[in-house]
Amino acid sequence: MTFTEKAYKIFEQSVADYHIDDDVDAASRQPYDVESIDGILYAKNRIDAVQWHLEDIIRDPEIDPVAALALKRRIDKSNQDRTDMVEELDTYFRNKYAGVKVLADATINTESPAWALDRLSILALKIYHMKAEVDRADATEAHRAKCAAKLAVLEEQRADLIAAVDTLLDDIAAGRKYMKVYRQMKMYNDADTNPVLYGGKK
């Protein structure tokens, strides 16, 4: 099993574990050492799984506006936590491949390994929930058929993305690609760079 195939299995496990409780406030069922790469991958998807459902809840047309604002704040924090976790993953890869001799004609990729894994984590959630729609007993046959077609595309995307990430990691390990870790530097969460927070805008 390749690294990315294993990562996807961990993402699937996290998604399934979330749905045991199916509660955005439930404690994580983290089964791994939190300092290990497996633990980091599991925690990454746990953030994504909770946020997926927060995004569902906030779209309730009957939601109380005060509750919606509190939920929006929670989603904002979750987005920052997700970004921080991706950057932690990229630090892992940077350290892992620190000793690789980069070839003279090596090129940089459009995205880092961790941001590609971020997409794979979200894809695990999409596949889980699209399959749930395919299996919905109360849905029409037309709905289930439409969702089944979408599920097939998502599964093809999963295979392509796993292969692409594994190729990227192989290229980095061989020196054909090199990586840089660019911090996202999100300005809206920073009291020093968001004018509304530092008082430059009323």
Protein backbone atom coordinates (compact mmCIF):
# COMPACT_ATOMS: atom_id res chain seq x y z
CA MET A 1 0.00 0.00 0.00
CA THR A 2 1.39 3.41 -0.96
CA PHE A 3 1.57 6.37 1.42
CA THR A 4 -1.40 8.08 -0.24
CA GLU A 5 -3.51 4.92 -0.30
CA LYS A 6 -2.86 4.54 3.43
CA ALA A 7 -3.71 8.21 4.00
CA TYR A 8 -7.03 7.74 2.22
CA LYS A 9 -7.83 4.71 4.39
CA ILE A 10 -7.21 6.87 7.46
CA PHE A 11 -9.48 9.58 6.04
CA GLU A 12 -12.20 6.97 5.44
CA GLN A 13 -11.78 5.71 9.00
CA SER A 14 -12.12 9.23 10.39
CA VAL A 15 -15.27 9.88 8.34
CA ALA A 16 -16.82 6.61 9.49
CA ASP A 17 -15.87 7.35 13.11
CA TYR A 18 -17.46 10.80 12.91
CA HIS A 19 -20.74 9.26 11.83
CA ILE A 20 -20.85 6.91 14.83
CA ASP A 21 -21.88 9.94 16.89
CA ASP A 22 -22.85 12.21 13.96
CA ASP A 23 -22.50 15.20 16.26
CA VAL A 24 -20.29 18.24 15.64
CA ASP A 25 -19.71 18.53 19.41
CA ALA A 26 -18.72 14.90 20.01
CA ALA A 27 -15.17 14.10 21.06
CA SER A 28 -12.78 12.74 18.46
CA ARG A 29 -12.30 8.96 18.42
CA GLN A 30 -8.59 9.41 17.56
CA PRO A 31 -7.10 5.87 17.48
CA TYR A 32 -3.50 6.86 16.72
CA ASP A 33 -0.62 8.51 18.51
CA VAL A 34 -1.41 12.19 17.98
CA GLU A 35 2.27 12.92 17.22
CA SER A 36 2.48 10.28 14.48
CA ILE A 37 1.79 10.97 10.81
CA ASP A 38 -1.25 8.66 11.03
CA GLY A 39 -2.55 10.69 13.98
CA ILE A 40 -2.02 13.95 12.13
CA LEU A 41 -3.85 12.65 9.07
CA TYR A 42 -6.74 11.41 11.21
CA ALA A 43 -6.95 14.75 13.05
CA LYS A 44 -6.87 16.61 9.72
CA ASN A 45 -9.87 14.75 8.41
CA ARG A 46 -11.69 15.08 11.73
CA ILE A 47 -11.49 18.86 11.32
CA ASP A 48 -12.85 18.51 7.78
CA ALA A 49 -15.66 16.17 8.86
CA VAL A 50 -16.86 18.48 11.61
CA GLN A 51 -16.67 21.51 9.32
CA TRP A 52 -18.57 19.68 6.58
CA HIS A 53 -21.50 19.29 8.98
CA LEU A 54 -21.21 22.82 10.36
CA GLU A 55 -21.57 24.04 6.78
CA ASP A 56 -24.75 21.96 6.46
CA ILE A 57 -26.19 23.33 9.71
CA ILE A 58 -25.57 26.98 8.88
CA ARG A 59 -27.56 26.58 5.64
CA ASP A 60 -30.74 25.77 7.55
CA PRO A 61 -33.18 28.49 6.34
CA GLU A 62 -34.82 28.48 9.79
CA ILE A 63 -31.60 28.98 11.75
CA ASP A 64 -31.67 31.67 14.43
CA PRO A 65 -29.52 34.63 13.27
CA VAL A 66 -27.62 34.80 16.56
CA ALA A 67 -26.88 31.08 16.39
CA ALA A 68 -25.83 31.49 12.75
CA LEU A 69 -23.31 34.19 13.67
CA ALA A 70 -21.82 31.99 16.40
CA LEU A 71 -21.65 29.14 13.91
CA LYS A 72 -19.94 31.37 11.34
CA ARG A 73 -17.30 32.24 13.93
CA ARG A 74 -16.82 28.55 14.61
CA ILE A 75 -16.43 27.82 10.90
CA ASP A 76 -13.87 30.61 10.60
CA LYS A 77 -11.84 29.05 13.42
CA SER A 78 -12.17 25.64 11.82
CA ASN A 79 -10.82 27.03 8.55
CA GLN A 80 -7.79 28.38 10.39
CA ASP A 81 -7.30 25.05 12.19
CA ARG A 82 -7.49 23.26 8.85
CA THR A 83 -4.86 25.55 7.35
CA ASP A 84 -2.60 25.08 10.37
CA MET A 85 -2.93 21.31 10.08
CA VAL A 86 -2.05 21.35 6.37
CA GLU A 87 1.05 23.41 7.14
CA GLU A 88 1.99 20.89 9.85
CA LEU A 89 1.71 18.13 7.27
CA ASP A 90 3.91 20.03 4.84
CA THR A 91 6.50 20.49 7.56
CA TYR A 92 6.48 16.71 7.98
CA PHE A 93 7.20 16.24 4.26
CA ARG A 94 9.83 18.95 4.20
CA ASN A 95 11.66 17.26 7.07
CA LYS A 96 11.23 13.81 5.55
CA TYR A 97 12.83 14.85 2.25
CA ALA A 98 15.33 17.35 3.69
CA GLY A 99 18.30 15.17 2.74
CA VAL A 100 17.30 14.59 -0.87
CA LYS A 101 19.73 15.89 -3.48
CA VAL A 102 17.66 18.03 -5.80
CA LEU A 103 18.45 17.55 -9.49
CA ALA A 104 19.62 20.53 -11.53
CA ASP A 105 16.49 20.42 -13.69
CA ALA A 106 14.07 19.79 -10.82
CA THR A 107 10.83 21.75 -10.87
CA ILE A 108 8.38 22.89 -8.21
CA ASN A 109 4.81 21.63 -8.16
CA THR A 110 1.74 23.86 -8.32
CA GLU A 111 0.67 22.64 -4.89
CA SER A 112 2.44 21.02 -1.98
CA PRO A 113 1.87 17.38 -0.94
CA ALA A 114 -0.19 18.45 2.07
CA TRP A 115 -2.55 20.66 0.07
CA ALA A 116 -3.07 17.77 -2.34
CA LEU A 117 -3.87 15.54 0.65
CA ASP A 118 -6.28 18.22 1.84
CA ARG A 119 -8.23 17.74 -1.39
CA LEU A 120 -8.14 13.97 -0.86
CA SER A 121 -9.53 14.38 2.67
CA ILE A 122 -12.45 16.44 1.36
CA LEU A 123 -12.96 13.89 -1.40
CA ALA A 124 -13.37 11.15 1.22
CA LEU A 125 -16.21 13.18 2.71
CA LYS A 126 -17.80 13.82 -0.69
CA ILE A 127 -17.73 10.11 -1.52
CA TYR A 128 -19.21 9.11 1.84
CA HIS A 129 -22.09 11.55 1.56
CA MET A 130 -22.75 10.95 -2.12
CA LYS A 131 -22.97 7.21 -1.42
CA ALA A 132 -25.46 8.00 1.35
CA GLU A 133 -27.60 9.78 -1.26
CA VAL A 134 -27.36 6.79 -3.60
CA ASP A 135 -28.58 4.55 -0.76
CA ARG A 136 -31.36 6.87 0.47
CA ALA A 137 -34.54 4.83 0.79
CA ASP A 138 -36.78 7.91 0.77
CA ALA A 139 -35.27 9.41 -2.40
CA THR A 140 -36.64 9.04 -5.90
CA GLU A 141 -35.04 6.65 -8.37
CA ALA A 142 -34.05 9.65 -10.50
CA HIS A 143 -32.26 11.23 -7.53
CA ARG A 144 -30.42 8.02 -6.71
CA ALA A 145 -29.41 7.55 -10.35
CA LYS A 146 -28.11 11.12 -10.61
CA CYS A 147 -26.11 10.67 -7.41
CA ALA A 148 -24.78 7.31 -8.59
CA ALA A 149 -23.39 8.99 -11.71
CA LYS A 150 -21.76 11.67 -9.55
CA LEU A 151 -20.36 9.01 -7.23
CA ALA A 152 -18.69 7.25 -10.17
CA VAL A 153 -16.96 10.51 -11.14
CA LEU A 154 -15.83 11.10 -7.55
CA GLU A 155 -14.40 7.59 -7.34
CA GLU A 156 -12.50 8.12 -10.59
CA GLN A 157 -11.22 11.41 -9.21
CA ARG A 158 -10.07 9.59 -6.06
CA ALA A 159 -8.02 7.10 -8.09
CA ASP A 160 -6.48 9.88 -10.17
CA LEU A 161 -5.67 12.03 -7.15
CA ILE A 162 -4.10 9.16 -5.20
CA ALA A 163 -1.92 8.32 -8.21
CA ALA A 164 -0.97 11.96 -8.69
CA VAL A 165 0.02 12.49 -5.05
CA ASP A 166 2.06 9.29 -5.00
CA THR A 167 3.82 10.39 -8.18
CA LEU A 168 4.57 13.78 -6.62
CA LEU A 169 6.03 12.15 -3.50
CA ASP A 170 8.12 9.79 -5.65
CA ASP A 171 9.40 12.76 -7.66
CA ILE A 172 10.31 14.68 -4.50
CA ALA A 173 12.08 11.62 -3.07
CA ALA A 174 14.06 11.26 -6.31
CA GLY A 175 14.95 14.95 -6.55
CA ARG A 176 12.91 15.52 -9.70
CA LYS A 177 10.59 17.89 -7.82
CA TYR A 178 11.29 20.10 -4.84
CA MET A 179 8.92 21.64 -2.37
CA LYS A 180 8.64 24.87 -0.47
CA VAL A 181 6.35 25.50 2.47
CA TYR A 182 4.49 28.76 1.93
CA ARG A 183 2.46 29.81 4.93
CA GLN A 184 -1.04 30.87 3.94
CA MET A 185 -0.81 34.14 5.90
CA LYS A 186 -4.57 34.53 6.14
CA MET A 187 -5.08 38.21 6.88
CA TYR A 188 -8.72 38.22 7.97
CA ASN A 189 -8.02 36.21 11.15
CA ASP A 190 -5.10 38.41 12.18
CA ALA A 191 -5.82 41.41 14.41
CA ASP A 192 -2.72 43.10 12.98
CA THR A 193 -3.76 42.83 9.31
CA ASN A 194 -7.57 42.95 9.29
CA PRO A 195 -8.55 46.68 9.30
CA VAL A 196 -11.85 45.94 11.04
CA LEU A 197 -9.98 44.25 13.89
CA TYR A 198 -7.18 46.77 14.30
CA GLY A 199 -9.49 49.75 14.10
CA GLY A 200 -8.61 51.11 10.67
CA LYS A 201 -12.17 50.65 9.50
CA LYS A 202 -15.38 51.43 11.31
